[in-house]
Amino acid sequence: MLHEVIQRGTPANRVFLGGFSNGGAAALHAGLRTKLPIGGVMCLSGALGMGSSTYEFLASSRSPSPVPVLLCHGKDDHVIPLAAAKATADKLATVGVNVDMEEFGRLRHGLGDGEVRTIAHWLRAHIED
């Protein structure tokens, strides 16, 4: 799908992957493994499992992934605990990924206004002209 979007004329650095919950984990898995220089990956209320092959892939790469990552998570999420998102951020940083982790108070497993504003700000900061 990424190749198709880029072949249709969208510059790779303006392509962002994002997902919520398990979709966020899928976005991390795909976005951090692609050889395309995409703009970034957003994972909302999601996390990679500690045994994810994505960590091994990144650790064995010759250079750190240039793809920036935004992780957003609610402090009151009881579906995917905040600790899992923090562990994902820490482990990705350990293998050289540029990770921004944002926590949101009183947010459960959902999307809040503060999170939407954070996403908009992060996208503006990472879209290259």
Protein backbone atom coordinates (compact mmCIF):
# COMPACT_ATOMS: atom_id res chain seq x y z
CA MET A 1 0.00 0.00 0.00
CA LEU A 2 2.83 2.44 0.81
CA HIS A 3 4.40 1.86 -2.59
CA GLU A 4 1.08 2.54 -4.30
CA VAL A 5 0.54 5.84 -2.47
CA ILE A 6 4.05 6.98 -3.34
CA GLN A 7 3.75 5.83 -6.96
CA ARG A 8 0.63 8.00 -7.28
CA GLY A 9 2.72 11.06 -6.49
CA THR A 10 2.74 11.53 -2.72
CA PRO A 11 6.29 12.18 -1.52
CA ALA A 12 7.37 9.42 0.87
CA ASN A 13 8.25 11.92 3.61
CA ARG A 14 4.59 13.03 3.61
CA VAL A 15 3.26 9.52 4.19
CA PHE A 16 2.43 8.71 7.81
CA LEU A 17 1.11 5.46 9.26
CA GLY A 18 -1.09 5.47 12.31
CA GLY A 19 -3.40 3.24 14.19
CA PHE A 20 -5.39 2.80 17.37
CA SER A 21 -4.86 -0.11 19.79
CA ASN A 22 -3.84 -3.19 17.79
CA GLY A 23 -3.84 -0.98 14.68
CA GLY A 24 -1.19 1.14 16.37
CA ALA A 25 0.96 -1.94 16.92
CA ALA A 26 0.47 -2.86 13.25
CA ALA A 27 1.49 0.66 12.20
CA LEU A 28 4.68 0.38 14.29
CA HIS A 29 5.43 -3.05 12.87
CA ALA A 30 5.00 -1.93 9.25
CA GLY A 31 6.33 1.62 9.50
CA LEU A 32 9.54 0.73 11.30
CA ARG A 33 10.35 -2.11 8.89
CA THR A 34 9.78 -0.33 5.60
CA LYS A 35 12.77 0.77 3.55
CA LEU A 36 10.76 3.75 2.32
CA PRO A 37 11.64 7.08 3.99
CA ILE A 38 8.13 7.73 5.32
CA GLY A 39 7.34 10.74 7.49
CA GLY A 40 6.50 8.88 10.68
CA VAL A 41 4.35 6.46 12.64
CA MET A 42 1.66 7.18 15.25
CA CYS A 43 0.49 4.58 17.75
CA LEU A 44 -2.56 5.60 19.78
CA SER A 45 -3.50 3.55 22.85
CA GLY A 46 -1.36 0.69 21.60
CA ALA A 47 1.93 -1.06 22.22
CA LEU A 48 4.24 -3.69 20.83
CA GLY A 49 4.58 -6.89 22.81
CA MET A 50 7.89 -7.27 24.61
CA GLY A 51 8.76 -10.21 22.36
CA SER A 52 7.88 -8.39 19.13
CA SER A 53 10.09 -9.29 16.20
CA THR A 54 10.15 -5.58 15.34
CA TYR A 55 12.65 -4.97 18.15
CA GLU A 56 14.94 -7.72 16.86
CA PHE A 57 14.64 -6.39 13.30
CA LEU A 58 15.59 -2.88 14.42
CA ALA A 59 18.43 -4.08 16.66
CA SER A 60 19.95 -6.06 13.78
CA SER A 61 19.72 -3.17 11.31
CA ARG A 62 22.94 -1.46 10.30
CA SER A 63 21.63 1.96 11.28
CA PRO A 64 18.77 3.21 13.45
CA SER A 65 15.38 3.68 11.81
CA PRO A 66 15.02 7.27 10.57
CA VAL A 67 11.24 7.04 11.00
CA PRO A 68 10.02 9.13 13.96
CA VAL A 69 7.35 7.67 16.24
CA LEU A 70 4.60 9.25 18.31
CA LEU A 71 3.06 7.13 21.07
CA CYS A 72 -0.06 8.55 22.76
CA HIS A 73 -1.66 6.76 25.67
CA GLY A 74 -4.26 7.38 28.34
CA LYS A 75 -3.21 7.07 31.96
CA ASP A 76 -6.48 5.30 32.77
CA ASP A 77 -6.37 2.77 29.91
CA HIS A 78 -7.37 -0.61 31.32
CA VAL A 79 -7.32 -2.43 27.95
CA ILE A 80 -3.66 -1.78 27.14
CA PRO A 81 -1.96 -0.50 30.30
CA LEU A 82 0.12 2.66 30.17
CA ALA A 83 3.08 0.58 31.36
CA ALA A 84 2.99 -1.39 28.09
CA ALA A 85 3.18 1.82 26.04
CA LYS A 86 6.04 3.13 28.20
CA ALA A 87 7.88 -0.17 27.77
CA THR A 88 7.40 0.10 24.01
CA ALA A 89 8.77 3.66 23.99
CA ASP A 90 11.76 2.64 26.11
CA LYS A 91 12.59 -0.42 24.03
CA LEU A 92 12.24 1.46 20.73
CA ALA A 93 14.53 4.21 22.04
CA THR A 94 17.06 1.56 23.07
CA VAL A 95 17.30 0.37 19.46
CA GLY A 96 17.72 3.93 18.17
CA VAL A 97 14.21 5.01 17.24
CA ASN A 98 13.27 8.67 17.76
CA VAL A 99 10.21 8.30 20.01
CA ASP A 100 7.90 10.95 21.43
CA MET A 101 5.71 9.54 24.22
CA GLU A 102 2.69 11.53 25.40
CA GLU A 103 0.45 10.53 28.31
CA PHE A 104 -3.07 11.84 28.85
CA GLY A 105 -4.74 12.01 32.27
CA ARG A 106 -8.24 10.64 32.75
CA LEU A 107 -8.15 9.10 29.27
CA ARG A 108 -9.16 5.47 29.03
CA HIS A 109 -8.85 3.34 25.90
CA GLY A 110 -10.00 6.07 23.55
CA LEU A 111 -9.16 9.30 21.79
CA GLY A 112 -9.36 12.66 23.54
CA ASP A 113 -9.17 16.30 22.47
CA GLY A 114 -5.69 16.75 23.93
CA GLU A 115 -4.48 13.75 21.99
CA VAL A 116 -5.90 15.13 18.74
CA ARG A 117 -4.10 18.44 19.34
CA THR A 118 -0.85 16.60 20.09
CA ILE A 119 -1.16 14.57 16.88
CA ALA A 120 -1.80 17.72 14.82
CA HIS A 121 1.21 19.48 16.35
CA TRP A 122 3.45 16.43 15.85
CA LEU A 123 2.37 16.04 12.22
CA ARG A 124 3.04 19.72 11.47
CA ALA A 125 6.49 19.40 13.02
CA HIS A 126 7.35 16.33 10.93
CA ILE A 127 5.92 17.23 7.54
CA GLU A 128 8.73 18.47 5.36
CA ASP A 129 7.98 21.06 2.68
